[in-house]
């Protein structure tokens, strides 16, 4: 969750936890393979935003 939200900011872990919880809830309702989808989306977000979601929002 910290890597998803961002290590450089204080709000990064909070943003990461909210994003992880919301994303897992949406994917859990949408498909039986929600863990694979969650992993793919998290991998794409980490590769697209190396500073995390909070770092990307800060820019």
C-alpha atoms as a PDB file:
ATOM      1  CA  UNK A   1       0.000   0.000   0.000  1.00  0.00           C
ATOM      2  CA  UNK A   2       2.880   2.335   0.722  1.00  0.00           C
ATOM      3  CA  UNK A   3       4.420   1.718  -2.693  1.00  0.00           C
ATOM      4  CA  UNK A   4       1.054   2.241  -4.354  1.00  0.00           C
ATOM      5  CA  UNK A   5       0.433   5.515  -2.539  1.00  0.00           C
ATOM      6  CA  UNK A   6       3.966   6.835  -2.512  1.00  0.00           C
ATOM      7  CA  UNK A   7       6.944   6.681  -0.199  1.00  0.00           C
ATOM      8  CA  UNK A   8       7.964  10.352  -0.451  1.00  0.00           C
ATOM      9  CA  UNK A   9       4.814  11.854   1.019  1.00  0.00           C
ATOM     10  CA  UNK A  10       3.113  11.642   4.375  1.00  0.00           C
ATOM     11  CA  UNK A  11      -0.287  11.078   2.758  1.00  0.00           C
ATOM     12  CA  UNK A  12       1.054   8.336   0.459  1.00  0.00           C
ATOM     13  CA  UNK A  13       0.172   5.338   2.656  1.00  0.00           C
ATOM     14  CA  UNK A  14      -3.310   6.739   3.269  1.00  0.00           C
ATOM     15  CA  UNK A  15      -3.904   7.301  -0.448  1.00  0.00           C
ATOM     16  CA  UNK A  16      -2.506   3.841  -1.186  1.00  0.00           C
ATOM     17  CA  UNK A  17      -4.763   2.165   1.377  1.00  0.00           C
ATOM     18  CA  UNK A  18      -7.840   3.938   0.021  1.00  0.00           C
ATOM     19  CA  UNK A  19      -6.937   3.078  -3.566  1.00  0.00           C
ATOM     20  CA  UNK A  20      -6.227  -0.565  -2.696  1.00  0.00           C
ATOM     21  CA  UNK A  21      -9.462  -0.983  -0.753  1.00  0.00           C
ATOM     22  CA  UNK A  22     -11.615   0.698  -3.401  1.00  0.00           C
ATOM     23  CA  UNK A  23      -9.962  -1.128  -6.269  1.00  0.00           C
ATOM     24  CA  UNK A  24     -10.222  -4.535  -4.606  1.00  0.00           C
ATOM     25  CA  UNK A  25     -13.903  -3.921  -3.802  1.00  0.00           C
ATOM     26  CA  UNK A  26     -14.702  -2.981  -7.405  1.00  0.00           C
ATOM     27  CA  UNK A  27     -12.767  -5.894  -8.864  1.00  0.00           C
ATOM     28  CA  UNK A  28     -14.184  -8.373  -6.357  1.00  0.00           C
ATOM     29  CA  UNK A  29     -17.707  -7.556  -7.518  1.00  0.00           C
ATOM     30  CA  UNK A  30     -16.764  -7.588 -11.207  1.00  0.00           C
ATOM     31  CA  UNK A  31     -14.894 -10.869 -11.644  1.00  0.00           C
ATOM     32  CA  UNK A  32     -13.913 -14.147 -10.011  1.00  0.00           C
ATOM     33  CA  UNK A  33     -10.264 -13.499 -10.892  1.00  0.00           C
ATOM     34  CA  UNK A  34     -10.138 -10.263  -8.924  1.00  0.00           C
ATOM     35  CA  UNK A  35      -6.726 -11.013  -7.389  1.00  0.00           C
ATOM     36  CA  UNK A  36      -5.093 -11.291 -10.811  1.00  0.00           C
ATOM     37  CA  UNK A  37      -6.813  -8.093 -11.938  1.00  0.00           C
ATOM     38  CA  UNK A  38      -5.764  -6.304  -8.770  1.00  0.00           C
ATOM     39  CA  UNK A  39      -2.166  -7.379  -9.262  1.00  0.00           C
ATOM     40  CA  UNK A  40      -2.157  -6.245 -12.886  1.00  0.00           C
ATOM     41  CA  UNK A  41      -3.659  -2.854 -12.056  1.00  0.00           C
ATOM     42  CA  UNK A  42      -1.252  -2.318  -9.153  1.00  0.00           C
ATOM     43  CA  UNK A  43       1.705  -3.260 -11.334  1.00  0.00           C
ATOM     44  CA  UNK A  44       0.572  -0.841 -14.035  1.00  0.00           C
ATOM     45  CA  UNK A  45       0.104   1.970 -11.493  1.00  0.00           C
ATOM     46  CA  UNK A  46       3.525   1.421  -9.939  1.00  0.00           C
ATOM     47  CA  UNK A  47       5.165   1.417 -13.360  1.00  0.00           C
ATOM     48  CA  UNK A  48       3.198   4.463 -14.570  1.00  0.00           C
ATOM     49  CA  UNK A  49       3.673   6.501 -11.374  1.00  0.00           C
ATOM     50  CA  UNK A  50       7.085   5.666  -9.819  1.00  0.00           C
ATOM     51  CA  UNK A  51       6.445   8.144  -6.988  1.00  0.00           C
ATOM     52  CA  UNK A  52       3.050   6.602  -6.213  1.00  0.00           C
ATOM     53  CA  UNK A  53      -0.412   8.053  -6.558  1.00  0.00           C
ATOM     54  CA  UNK A  54       0.179  10.827  -4.039  1.00  0.00           C
ATOM     55  CA  UNK A  55       3.410  11.802  -5.791  1.00  0.00           C
ATOM     56  CA  UNK A  56       1.607  11.900  -9.126  1.00  0.00           C
ATOM     57  CA  UNK A  57      -1.161  14.061  -7.671  1.00  0.00           C
ATOM     58  CA  UNK A  58       1.390  16.386  -6.092  1.00  0.00           C
ATOM     59  CA  UNK A  59       3.013  17.014  -9.487  1.00  0.00           C
END
